[in-house]
Amino acid sequence: MGVFDKAKDKAEQMTGKAKEAAGRSTDNPDLEDAGKRDQLSGEAKETGHDLRDKAAGVAHDVKEGLKDDRTR
């Protein structure tokens, strides 16, 4: 995952935490729910980026393995 993607995902999660806390302290359930949604969205994106990067790493390893097989 790129550093920029990771920072964006973490920022979205932190924004969500702040919204949730603000909603709780002002007794605003809509704002609290919006904060929870932001947190979940940031976590989901982070997980998606992690999976994408792992898949790319596996694909690279397979490709390198095939190259090695051809040279033997």
C-alpha atoms as a PDB file:
ATOM      1  CA  MET A   1       0.000   0.000   0.000  1.00  0.00           C
ATOM      2  CA  GLY A   2       1.269   3.404  -0.805  1.00  0.00           C
ATOM      3  CA  VAL A   3       2.055   5.758   2.042  1.00  0.00           C
ATOM      4  CA  PHE A   4      -0.475   8.235   0.673  1.00  0.00           C
ATOM      5  CA  ASP A   5      -3.256   5.605   0.619  1.00  0.00           C
ATOM      6  CA  LYS A   6      -2.432   4.511   4.146  1.00  0.00           C
ATOM      7  CA  ALA A   7      -2.460   8.112   5.388  1.00  0.00           C
ATOM      8  CA  LYS A   8      -5.820   8.783   3.723  1.00  0.00           C
ATOM      9  CA  ASP A   9      -7.355   5.672   5.256  1.00  0.00           C
ATOM     10  CA  LYS A  10      -6.044   6.518   8.723  1.00  0.00           C
ATOM     11  CA  ALA A  11      -7.211  10.128   8.373  1.00  0.00           C
ATOM     12  CA  GLU A  12     -10.707   8.922   7.490  1.00  0.00           C
ATOM     13  CA  GLN A  13     -10.710   6.697  10.569  1.00  0.00           C
ATOM     14  CA  MET A  14      -9.538   9.542  12.820  1.00  0.00           C
ATOM     15  CA  THR A  15     -12.161  11.890  11.364  1.00  0.00           C
ATOM     16  CA  GLY A  16     -14.758   9.257  12.099  1.00  0.00           C
ATOM     17  CA  LYS A  17     -13.607   8.938  15.706  1.00  0.00           C
ATOM     18  CA  ALA A  18     -13.823  12.708  16.123  1.00  0.00           C
ATOM     19  CA  LYS A  19     -17.321  12.829  14.613  1.00  0.00           C
ATOM     20  CA  GLU A  20     -18.462   9.967  16.811  1.00  0.00           C
ATOM     21  CA  ALA A  21     -17.140  11.678  19.936  1.00  0.00           C
ATOM     22  CA  ALA A  22     -18.688  14.995  18.938  1.00  0.00           C
ATOM     23  CA  GLY A  23     -22.023  13.308  18.279  1.00  0.00           C
ATOM     24  CA  ARG A  24     -21.908  11.588  21.642  1.00  0.00           C
ATOM     25  CA  SER A  25     -21.021  14.757  23.547  1.00  0.00           C
ATOM     26  CA  THR A  26     -23.697  16.848  21.793  1.00  0.00           C
ATOM     27  CA  ASP A  27     -26.310  14.078  21.968  1.00  0.00           C
ATOM     28  CA  ASN A  28     -26.498  14.003  18.160  1.00  0.00           C
ATOM     29  CA  PRO A  29     -27.058  10.389  17.060  1.00  0.00           C
ATOM     30  CA  ASP A  30     -26.815  11.279  13.351  1.00  0.00           C
ATOM     31  CA  LEU A  31     -23.319  12.718  13.783  1.00  0.00           C
ATOM     32  CA  GLU A  32     -22.309   9.774  15.964  1.00  0.00           C
ATOM     33  CA  ASP A  33     -23.519   7.332  13.287  1.00  0.00           C
ATOM     34  CA  ALA A  34     -21.724   9.288  10.557  1.00  0.00           C
ATOM     35  CA  GLY A  35     -18.530   8.960  12.570  1.00  0.00           C
ATOM     36  CA  LYS A  36     -18.970   5.217  12.897  1.00  0.00           C
ATOM     37  CA  ARG A  37     -19.552   4.969   9.132  1.00  0.00           C
ATOM     38  CA  ASP A  38     -16.379   6.951   8.431  1.00  0.00           C
ATOM     39  CA  GLN A  39     -14.369   4.671  10.703  1.00  0.00           C
ATOM     40  CA  LEU A  40     -15.705   1.525   9.060  1.00  0.00           C
ATOM     41  CA  SER A  41     -15.139   2.968   5.606  1.00  0.00           C
ATOM     42  CA  GLY A  42     -11.514   3.805   6.426  1.00  0.00           C
ATOM     43  CA  GLU A  43     -10.934   0.353   7.883  1.00  0.00           C
ATOM     44  CA  ALA A  44     -12.502  -1.341   4.865  1.00  0.00           C
ATOM     45  CA  LYS A  45     -10.365   0.672   2.465  1.00  0.00           C
ATOM     46  CA  GLU A  46      -7.237  -0.105   4.456  1.00  0.00           C
ATOM     47  CA  THR A  47      -8.066  -3.826   4.391  1.00  0.00           C
ATOM     48  CA  GLY A  48      -8.733  -3.653   0.656  1.00  0.00           C
ATOM     49  CA  HIS A  49      -5.403  -1.961   0.017  1.00  0.00           C
ATOM     50  CA  ASP A  50      -3.612  -4.547   2.163  1.00  0.00           C
ATOM     51  CA  LEU A  51      -5.239  -7.412   0.245  1.00  0.00           C
ATOM     52  CA  ARG A  52      -4.397  -5.797  -3.092  1.00  0.00           C
ATOM     53  CA  ASP A  53      -0.773  -5.430  -2.075  1.00  0.00           C
ATOM     54  CA  LYS A  54      -0.564  -9.021  -0.843  1.00  0.00           C
ATOM     55  CA  ALA A  55      -2.087 -10.287  -4.096  1.00  0.00           C
ATOM     56  CA  ALA A  56       0.398  -8.247  -6.092  1.00  0.00           C
ATOM     57  CA  GLY A  57       3.234  -9.722  -4.027  1.00  0.00           C
ATOM     58  CA  VAL A  58       2.004 -13.272  -4.619  1.00  0.00           C
ATOM     59  CA  ALA A  59       1.634 -12.607  -8.338  1.00  0.00           C
ATOM     60  CA  HIS A  60       5.178 -11.272  -8.426  1.00  0.00           C
ATOM     61  CA  ASP A  61       6.486 -14.341  -6.567  1.00  0.00           C
ATOM     62  CA  VAL A  62       4.701 -16.682  -8.988  1.00  0.00           C
ATOM     63  CA  LYS A  63       6.073 -14.767 -11.953  1.00  0.00           C
ATOM     64  CA  GLU A  64       9.596 -14.965 -10.558  1.00  0.00           C
ATOM     65  CA  GLY A  65       9.126 -18.675  -9.883  1.00  0.00           C
ATOM     66  CA  LEU A  66       8.121 -19.257 -13.482  1.00  0.00           C
ATOM     67  CA  LYS A  67      11.199 -17.365 -14.677  1.00  0.00           C
ATOM     68  CA  ASP A  68      13.393 -19.560 -12.490  1.00  0.00           C
ATOM     69  CA  ASP A  69      11.764 -22.703 -13.885  1.00  0.00           C
ATOM     70  CA  ARG A  70      12.495 -21.631 -17.449  1.00  0.00           C
ATOM     71  CA  THR A  71      16.180 -21.056 -16.759  1.00  0.00           C
ATOM     72  CA  ARG A  72      16.753 -24.525 -15.327  1.00  0.00           C
END
